Amino acid sequence: MSIGFGIFLVAVGAILAFAVQVSVEWIALTTVGYILMVAGVVMVVIGGVLMARKRSSVTTQRTQVDPNNGEQVTRRESIASDPVE
């Protein structure tokens, strides 16, 4: 989601910075375009970092002794994040 929105911001910023030739007294559209492009690049980088962070997996193994009959019980849990989700 953040990568797509970042690309959108870069595209809108490029349109404002390079393609729009309208001058408005109270705002500089070229500057707004550059700001949007920078914000879009930052958002793409943050999205990439968060996606890379999701690719971790956690495995937990616990061993306990059942107090009733003395059997050893092993429980395994595995959590793997899918980056596509």
PDB file of N, CA and C in Angstrom:
ATOM      1  N   MET A   1       0.822  -1.190   0.000  1.00  0.00           N
ATOM      2  CA  MET A   1       0.000   0.000   0.000  1.00  0.00           C
ATOM      3  C   MET A   1       0.864   1.251   0.000  1.00  0.00           C
ATOM      4  N   SER A   2       1.863   1.302   0.856  1.00  0.00           N
ATOM      5  CA  SER A   2       2.669   2.513   0.943  1.00  0.00           C
ATOM      6  C   SER A   2       3.562   2.683  -0.286  1.00  0.00           C
ATOM      7  N   ILE A   3       3.975   1.580  -0.889  1.00  0.00           N
ATOM      8  CA  ILE A   3       4.811   1.696  -2.091  1.00  0.00           C
ATOM      9  C   ILE A   3       3.986   2.254  -3.251  1.00  0.00           C
ATOM     10  N   GLY A   4       2.775   1.770  -3.396  1.00  0.00           N
ATOM     11  CA  GLY A   4       1.903   2.279  -4.461  1.00  0.00           C
ATOM     12  C   GLY A   4       1.561   3.745  -4.272  1.00  0.00           C
ATOM     13  N   PHE A   5       1.264   4.135  -3.038  1.00  0.00           N
ATOM     14  CA  PHE A   5       0.951   5.534  -2.766  1.00  0.00           C
ATOM     15  C   PHE A   5       2.188   6.412  -2.961  1.00  0.00           C
ATOM     16  N   GLY A   6       3.359   5.888  -2.633  1.00  0.00           N
ATOM     17  CA  GLY A   6       4.588   6.634  -2.859  1.00  0.00           C
ATOM     18  C   GLY A   6       4.832   6.887  -4.342  1.00  0.00           C
ATOM     19  N   ILE A   7       4.589   5.875  -5.156  1.00  0.00           N
ATOM     20  CA  ILE A   7       4.734   6.040  -6.615  1.00  0.00           C
ATOM     21  C   ILE A   7       3.718   7.054  -7.136  1.00  0.00           C
ATOM     22  N   PHE A   8       2.505   7.008  -6.591  1.00  0.00           N
ATOM     23  CA  PHE A   8       1.480   7.987  -6.964  1.00  0.00           C
ATOM     24  C   PHE A   8       1.936   9.406  -6.628  1.00  0.00           C
ATOM     25  N   LEU A   9       2.500   9.593  -5.437  1.00  0.00           N
ATOM     26  CA  LEU A   9       2.978  10.921  -5.053  1.00  0.00           C
ATOM     27  C   LEU A   9       4.101  11.407  -5.964  1.00  0.00           C
ATOM     28  N   VAL A  10       4.994  10.510  -6.338  1.00  0.00           N
ATOM     29  CA  VAL A  10       6.076  10.893  -7.252  1.00  0.00           C
ATOM     30  C   VAL A  10       5.502  11.312  -8.596  1.00  0.00           C
ATOM     31  N   ALA A  11       4.514  10.576  -9.089  1.00  0.00           N
ATOM     32  CA  ALA A  11       3.912  10.910 -10.388  1.00  0.00           C
ATOM     33  C   ALA A  11       3.191  12.255 -10.340  1.00  0.00           C
ATOM     34  N   VAL A  12       2.400  12.485  -9.313  1.00  0.00           N
ATOM     35  CA  VAL A  12       1.691  13.770  -9.195  1.00  0.00           C
ATOM     36  C   VAL A  12       2.687  14.912  -9.014  1.00  0.00           C
ATOM     37  N   GLY A  13       3.723  14.681  -8.226  1.00  0.00           N
ATOM     38  CA  GLY A  13       4.741  15.707  -8.042  1.00  0.00           C
ATOM     39  C   GLY A  13       5.475  16.036  -9.332  1.00  0.00           C
ATOM     40  N   ALA A  14       5.763  15.008 -10.130  1.00  0.00           N
ATOM     41  CA  ALA A  14       6.440  15.250 -11.411  1.00  0.00           C
ATOM     42  C   ALA A  14       5.539  16.028 -12.360  1.00  0.00           C
ATOM     43  N   ILE A  15       4.260  15.718 -12.346  1.00  0.00           N
ATOM     44  CA  ILE A  15       3.327  16.468 -13.197  1.00  0.00           C
ATOM     45  C   ILE A  15       3.284  17.923 -12.770  1.00  0.00           C
ATOM     46  N   LEU A  16       3.201  18.168 -11.463  1.00  0.00           N
ATOM     47  CA  LEU A  16       3.162  19.553 -10.982  1.00  0.00           C
ATOM     48  C   LEU A  16       4.473  20.285 -11.235  1.00  0.00           C
ATOM     49  N   ALA A  17       5.589  19.583 -11.091  1.00  0.00           N
ATOM     50  CA  ALA A  17       6.890  20.245 -11.232  1.00  0.00           C
ATOM     51  C   ALA A  17       7.266  20.512 -12.681  1.00  0.00           C
ATOM     52  N   PHE A  18       6.918  19.585 -13.576  1.00  0.00           N
ATOM     53  CA  PHE A  18       7.438  19.687 -14.938  1.00  0.00           C
ATOM     54  C   PHE A  18       6.388  19.977 -16.005  1.00  0.00           C
ATOM     55  N   ALA A  19       5.136  19.599 -15.792  1.00  0.00           N
ATOM     56  CA  ALA A  19       4.156  19.701 -16.865  1.00  0.00           C
ATOM     57  C   ALA A  19       3.178  20.859 -16.702  1.00  0.00           C
ATOM     58  N   VAL A  20       2.905  21.269 -15.503  1.00  0.00           N
ATOM     59  CA  VAL A  20       1.927  22.329 -15.287  1.00  0.00           C
ATOM     60  C   VAL A  20       2.626  23.678 -15.428  1.00  0.00           C
ATOM     61  N   GLN A  21       2.079  24.507 -16.296  1.00  0.00           N
ATOM     62  CA  GLN A  21       2.666  25.829 -16.539  1.00  0.00           C
ATOM     63  C   GLN A  21       1.738  26.944 -16.052  1.00  0.00           C
ATOM     64  N   VAL A  22       0.991  26.678 -14.995  1.00  0.00           N
ATOM     65  CA  VAL A  22       0.068  27.660 -14.441  1.00  0.00           C
ATOM     66  C   VAL A  22       0.762  28.362 -13.277  1.00  0.00           C
ATOM     67  N   SER A  23       0.626  29.677 -13.223  1.00  0.00           N
ATOM     68  CA  SER A  23       1.219  30.406 -12.102  1.00  0.00           C
ATOM     69  C   SER A  23       0.097  30.903 -11.193  1.00  0.00           C
ATOM     70  N   VAL A  24       0.245  30.598  -9.929  1.00  0.00           N
ATOM     71  CA  VAL A  24      -0.704  31.023  -8.922  1.00  0.00           C
ATOM     72  C   VAL A  24       0.058  31.920  -7.954  1.00  0.00           C
ATOM     73  N   GLU A  25      -0.572  33.018  -7.535  1.00  0.00           N
ATOM     74  CA  GLU A  25       0.124  33.992  -6.688  1.00  0.00           C
ATOM     75  C   GLU A  25       0.487  33.433  -5.321  1.00  0.00           C
ATOM     76  N   TRP A  26      -0.384  32.683  -4.713  1.00  0.00           N
ATOM     77  CA  TRP A  26      -0.217  32.303  -3.314  1.00  0.00           C
ATOM     78  C   TRP A  26       0.511  30.982  -3.111  1.00  0.00           C
ATOM     79  N   ILE A  27       0.848  30.266  -4.195  1.00  0.00           N
ATOM     80  CA  ILE A  27       1.573  28.997  -4.045  1.00  0.00           C
ATOM     81  C   ILE A  27       2.433  28.754  -5.286  1.00  0.00           C
ATOM     82  N   ALA A  28       3.591  28.201  -5.076  1.00  0.00           N
ATOM     83  CA  ALA A  28       4.471  27.838  -6.188  1.00  0.00           C
ATOM     84  C   ALA A  28       4.272  26.345  -6.483  1.00  0.00           C
ATOM     85  N   LEU A  29       3.598  26.040  -7.573  1.00  0.00           N
ATOM     86  CA  LEU A  29       3.271  24.650  -7.895  1.00  0.00           C
ATOM     87  C   LEU A  29       4.515  23.815  -8.176  1.00  0.00           C
ATOM     88  N   THR A  30       5.557  24.436  -8.695  1.00  0.00           N
ATOM     89  CA  THR A  30       6.799  23.703  -8.931  1.00  0.00           C
ATOM     90  C   THR A  30       7.391  23.215  -7.618  1.00  0.00           C
ATOM     91  N   THR A  31       7.396  24.071  -6.606  1.00  0.00           N
ATOM     92  CA  THR A  31       7.908  23.681  -5.292  1.00  0.00           C
ATOM     93  C   THR A  31       7.057  22.589  -4.668  1.00  0.00           C
ATOM     94  N   VAL A  32       5.740  22.695  -4.800  1.00  0.00           N
ATOM     95  CA  VAL A  32       4.846  21.657  -4.293  1.00  0.00           C
ATOM     96  C   VAL A  32       5.120  20.330  -4.995  1.00  0.00           C
ATOM     97  N   GLY A  33       5.378  20.396  -6.287  1.00  0.00           N
ATOM     98  CA  GLY A  33       5.707  19.184  -7.039  1.00  0.00           C
ATOM     99  C   GLY A  33       6.976  18.514  -6.535  1.00  0.00           C
ATOM    100  N   TYR A  34       8.012  19.322  -6.293  1.00  0.00           N
ATOM    101  CA  TYR A  34       9.254  18.754  -5.767  1.00  0.00           C
ATOM    102  C   TYR A  34       9.056  18.161  -4.367  1.00  0.00           C
ATOM    103  N   ILE A  35       8.261  18.838  -3.553  1.00  0.00           N
ATOM    104  CA  ILE A  35       7.985  18.315  -2.213  1.00  0.00           C
ATOM    105  C   ILE A  35       7.245  16.987  -2.294  1.00  0.00           C
ATOM    106  N   LEU A  36       6.267  16.889  -3.185  1.00  0.00           N
ATOM    107  CA  LEU A  36       5.528  15.628  -3.349  1.00  0.00           C
ATOM    108  C   LEU A  36       6.436  14.508  -3.863  1.00  0.00           C
ATOM    109  N   MET A  37       7.350  14.844  -4.757  1.00  0.00           N
ATOM    110  CA  MET A  37       8.264  13.812  -5.261  1.00  0.00           C
ATOM    111  C   MET A  37       9.173  13.303  -4.149  1.00  0.00           C
ATOM    112  N   VAL A  38       9.682  14.199  -3.331  1.00  0.00           N
ATOM    113  CA  VAL A  38      10.539  13.773  -2.214  1.00  0.00           C
ATOM    114  C   VAL A  38       9.741  12.928  -1.227  1.00  0.00           C
ATOM    115  N   ALA A  39       8.517  13.364  -0.915  1.00  0.00           N
ATOM    116  CA  ALA A  39       7.672  12.594   0.001  1.00  0.00           C
ATOM    117  C   ALA A  39       7.364  11.212  -0.575  1.00  0.00           C
ATOM    118  N   GLY A  40       7.148  11.133  -1.874  1.00  0.00           N
ATOM    119  CA  GLY A  40       6.889   9.846  -2.515  1.00  0.00           C
ATOM    120  C   GLY A  40       8.082   8.913  -2.442  1.00  0.00           C
ATOM    121  N   VAL A  41       9.275   9.445  -2.677  1.00  0.00           N
ATOM    122  CA  VAL A  41      10.482   8.616  -2.595  1.00  0.00           C
ATOM    123  C   VAL A  41      10.686   8.120  -1.164  1.00  0.00           C
ATOM    124  N   VAL A  42      10.467   8.997  -0.185  1.00  0.00           N
ATOM    125  CA  VAL A  42      10.598   8.585   1.222  1.00  0.00           C
ATOM    126  C   VAL A  42       9.586   7.486   1.541  1.00  0.00           C
ATOM    127  N   MET A  43       8.369   7.628   1.039  1.00  0.00           N
ATOM    128  CA  MET A  43       7.339   6.630   1.315  1.00  0.00           C
ATOM    129  C   MET A  43       7.679   5.286   0.655  1.00  0.00           C
ATOM    130  N   VAL A  44       8.242   5.302  -0.539  1.00  0.00           N
ATOM    131  CA  VAL A  44       8.650   4.056  -1.196  1.00  0.00           C
ATOM    132  C   VAL A  44       9.763   3.382  -0.399  1.00  0.00           C
ATOM    133  N   VAL A  45      10.717   4.164   0.090  1.00  0.00           N
ATOM    134  CA  VAL A  45      11.812   3.597   0.879  1.00  0.00           C
ATOM    135  C   VAL A  45      11.287   2.995   2.185  1.00  0.00           C
ATOM    136  N   ILE A  46      10.414   3.725   2.869  1.00  0.00           N
ATOM    137  CA  ILE A  46       9.846   3.211   4.119  1.00  0.00           C
ATOM    138  C   ILE A  46       9.032   1.953   3.849  1.00  0.00           C
ATOM    139  N   GLY A  47       8.256   1.940   2.780  1.00  0.00           N
ATOM    140  CA  GLY A  47       7.477   0.753   2.424  1.00  0.00           C
ATOM    141  C   GLY A  47       8.367  -0.443   2.136  1.00  0.00           C
ATOM    142  N   GLY A  48       9.483  -0.211   1.460  1.00  0.00           N
ATOM    143  CA  GLY A  48      10.421  -1.308   1.195  1.00  0.00           C
ATOM    144  C   GLY A  48      11.049  -1.850   2.460  1.00  0.00           C
ATOM    145  N   VAL A  49      11.392  -0.956   3.374  1.00  0.00           N
ATOM    146  CA  VAL A  49      11.971  -1.393   4.645  1.00  0.00           C
ATOM    147  C   VAL A  49      10.956  -2.198   5.449  1.00  0.00           C
ATOM    148  N   LEU A  50       9.720  -1.738   5.497  1.00  0.00           N
ATOM    149  CA  LEU A  50       8.695  -2.467   6.238  1.00  0.00           C
ATOM    150  C   LEU A  50       8.393  -3.817   5.608  1.00  0.00           C
ATOM    151  N   MET A  51       8.428  -3.887   4.287  1.00  0.00           N
ATOM    152  CA  MET A  51       8.207  -5.162   3.621  1.00  0.00           C
ATOM    153  C   MET A  51       9.342  -6.140   3.911  1.00  0.00           C
ATOM    154  N   ALA A  52      10.557  -5.647   3.942  1.00  0.00           N
ATOM    155  CA  ALA A  52      11.698  -6.513   4.246  1.00  0.00           C
ATOM    156  C   ALA A  52      11.650  -6.992   5.683  1.00  0.00           C
ATOM    157  N   ARG A  53      11.131  -6.150   6.571  1.00  0.00           N
ATOM    158  CA  ARG A  53      11.019  -6.527   7.976  1.00  0.00           C
ATOM    159  C   ARG A  53       9.977  -7.610   8.203  1.00  0.00           C
ATOM    160  N   LYS A  54       8.957  -7.672   7.361  1.00  0.00           N
ATOM    161  CA  LYS A  54       7.904  -8.669   7.499  1.00  0.00           C
ATOM    162  C   LYS A  54       8.385 -10.073   7.164  1.00  0.00           C
ATOM    163  N   ARG A  55       9.483 -10.197   6.496  1.00  0.00           N
ATOM    164  CA  ARG A  55       9.956 -11.496   6.036  1.00  0.00           C
ATOM    165  C   ARG A  55      10.682 -12.296   7.100  1.00  0.00           C
ATOM    166  N   SER A  56      10.387 -12.049   8.321  1.00  0.00           N
ATOM    167  CA  SER A  56      11.049 -12.787   9.390  1.00  0.00           C
ATOM    168  C   SER A  56      10.157 -13.933   9.848  1.00  0.00           C
ATOM    169  N   SER A  57      10.760 -14.923  10.447  1.00  0.00           N
ATOM    170  CA  SER A  57       9.995 -16.045  10.976  1.00  0.00           C
ATOM    171  C   SER A  57      10.445 -16.316  12.407  1.00  0.00           C
ATOM    172  N   VAL A  58       9.508 -16.771  13.206  1.00  0.00           N
ATOM    173  CA  VAL A  58       9.769 -17.049  14.614  1.00  0.00           C
ATOM    174  C   VAL A  58       9.390 -18.498  14.886  1.00  0.00           C
ATOM    175  N   THR A  59      10.292 -19.243  15.488  1.00  0.00           N
ATOM    176  CA  THR A  59      10.021 -20.623  15.858  1.00  0.00           C
ATOM    177  C   THR A  59      10.255 -20.775  17.350  1.00  0.00           C
ATOM    178  N   THR A  60       9.266 -21.312  18.035  1.00  0.00           N
ATOM    179  CA  THR A  60       9.354 -21.509  19.477  1.00  0.00           C
ATOM    180  C   THR A  60       9.131 -22.974  19.790  1.00  0.00           C
ATOM    181  N   GLN A  61       9.980 -23.546  20.601  1.00  0.00           N
ATOM    182  CA  GLN A  61       9.825 -24.942  21.023  1.00  0.00           C
ATOM    183  C   GLN A  61       9.847 -24.992  22.537  1.00  0.00           C
ATOM    184  N   ARG A  62       8.796 -25.562  23.097  1.00  0.00           N
ATOM    185  CA  ARG A  62       8.688 -25.676  24.552  1.00  0.00           C
ATOM    186  C   ARG A  62       8.580 -27.143  24.936  1.00  0.00           C
ATOM    187  N   THR A  63       9.311 -27.526  25.945  1.00  0.00           N
ATOM    188  CA  THR A  63       9.269 -28.899  26.447  1.00  0.00           C
ATOM    189  C   THR A  63       8.872 -28.856  27.913  1.00  0.00           C
ATOM    190  N   GLN A  64       7.831 -29.617  28.242  1.00  0.00           N
ATOM    191  CA  GLN A  64       7.351 -29.679  29.619  1.00  0.00           C
ATOM    192  C   GLN A  64       7.139 -31.136  30.005  1.00  0.00           C
ATOM    193  N   VAL A  65       7.161 -31.369  31.295  1.00  0.00           N
ATOM    194  CA  VAL A  65       6.887 -32.709  31.813  1.00  0.00           C
ATOM    195  C   VAL A  65       5.485 -32.703  32.408  1.00  0.00           C
ATOM    196  N   ASP A  66       4.672 -33.639  31.950  1.00  0.00           N
ATOM    197  CA  ASP A  66       3.308 -33.757  32.450  1.00  0.00           C
ATOM    198  C   ASP A  66       3.355 -34.258  33.894  1.00  0.00           C
ATOM    199  N   PRO A  67       2.787 -33.510  34.859  1.00  0.00           N
ATOM    200  CA  PRO A  67       2.888 -33.918  36.258  1.00  0.00           C
ATOM    201  C   PRO A  67       2.071 -35.172  36.595  1.00  0.00           C
ATOM    202  N   ASN A  68       1.074 -35.500  35.794  1.00  0.00           N
ATOM    203  CA  ASN A  68       0.229 -36.654  36.097  1.00  0.00           C
ATOM    204  C   ASN A  68       0.922 -37.981  35.798  1.00  0.00           C
ATOM    205  N   ASN A  69       1.517 -38.098  34.629  1.00  0.00           N
ATOM    206  CA  ASN A  69       2.110 -39.386  34.263  1.00  0.00           C
ATOM    207  C   ASN A  69       3.606 -39.295  33.963  1.00  0.00           C
ATOM    208  N   GLY A  70       4.209 -38.132  34.057  1.00  0.00           N
ATOM    209  CA  GLY A  70       5.644 -38.004  33.889  1.00  0.00           C
ATOM    210  C   GLY A  70       6.110 -37.998  32.439  1.00  0.00           C
ATOM    211  N   GLU A  71       5.187 -37.912  31.492  1.00  0.00           N
ATOM    212  CA  GLU A  71       5.583 -37.875  30.080  1.00  0.00           C
ATOM    213  C   GLU A  71       6.107 -36.498  29.704  1.00  0.00           C
ATOM    214  N   GLN A  72       7.013 -36.510  28.761  1.00  0.00           N
ATOM    215  CA  GLN A  72       7.575 -35.263  28.269  1.00  0.00           C
ATOM    216  C   GLN A  72       6.738 -34.796  27.078  1.00  0.00           C
ATOM    217  N   VAL A  73       6.241 -33.576  27.149  1.00  0.00           N
ATOM    218  CA  VAL A  73       5.383 -33.019  26.107  1.00  0.00           C
ATOM    219  C   VAL A  73       6.148 -31.892  25.424  1.00  0.00           C
ATOM    220  N   THR A  74       6.243 -31.959  24.095  1.00  0.00           N
ATOM    221  CA  THR A  74       6.935 -30.935  23.308  1.00  0.00           C
ATOM    222  C   THR A  74       5.906 -30.218  22.439  1.00  0.00           C
ATOM    223  N   ARG A  75       5.935 -28.903  22.489  1.00  0.00           N
ATOM    224  CA  ARG A  75       5.026 -28.101  21.683  1.00  0.00           C
ATOM    225  C   ARG A  75       5.859 -27.191  20.792  1.00  0.00           C
ATOM    226  N   ARG A  76       5.577 -27.202  19.506  1.00  0.00           N
ATOM    227  CA  ARG A  76       6.313 -26.366  18.550  1.00  0.00           C
ATOM    228  C   ARG A  76       5.356 -25.377  17.908  1.00  0.00           C
ATOM    229  N   GLU A  77       5.772 -24.136  17.837  1.00  0.00           N
ATOM    230  CA  GLU A  77       5.006 -23.085  17.178  1.00  0.00           C
ATOM    231  C   GLU A  77       5.910 -22.433  16.137  1.00  0.00           C
ATOM    232  N   SER A  78       5.361 -22.201  14.973  1.00  0.00           N
ATOM    233  CA  SER A  78       6.122 -21.534  13.920  1.00  0.00           C
ATOM    234  C   SER A  78       5.264 -20.439  13.338  1.00  0.00           C
ATOM    235  N   ILE A  79       5.787 -19.228  13.298  1.00  0.00           N
ATOM    236  CA  ILE A  79       5.081 -18.080  12.737  1.00  0.00           C
ATOM    237  C   ILE A  79       5.956 -17.508  11.636  1.00  0.00           C
ATOM    238  N   ALA A  80       5.450 -17.498  10.424  1.00  0.00           N
ATOM    239  CA  ALA A  80       6.183 -16.945   9.289  1.00  0.00           C
ATOM    240  C   ALA A  80       5.291 -15.912   8.610  1.00  0.00           C
ATOM    241  N   SER A  81       5.763 -14.704   8.477  1.00  0.00           N
ATOM    242  CA  SER A  81       4.989 -13.653   7.824  1.00  0.00           C
ATOM    243  C   SER A  81       5.190 -13.739   6.330  1.00  0.00           C
ATOM    244  N   ASP A  82       4.092 -13.657   5.618  1.00  0.00           N
ATOM    245  CA  ASP A  82       4.134 -13.678   4.164  1.00  0.00           C
ATOM    246  C   ASP A  82       4.122 -12.239   3.660  1.00  0.00           C
ATOM    247  N   PRO A  83       5.118 -11.782   2.884  1.00  0.00           N
ATOM    248  CA  PRO A  83       5.172 -10.398   2.445  1.00  0.00           C
ATOM    249  C   PRO A  83       4.069 -10.034   1.455  1.00  0.00           C
ATOM    250  N   VAL A  84       3.371 -11.030   0.920  1.00  0.00           N
ATOM    251  CA  VAL A  84       2.321 -10.759  -0.044  1.00  0.00           C
ATOM    252  C   VAL A  84       1.040 -10.317   0.654  1.00  0.00           C
ATOM    253  N   GLU A  85       0.856 -10.682   1.900  1.00  0.00           N
ATOM    254  CA  GLU A  85      -0.369 -10.369   2.624  1.00  0.00           C
ATOM    255  C   GLU A  85      -0.615  -8.894   2.735  1.00  0.00           C
TER     256      GLU A  85
END
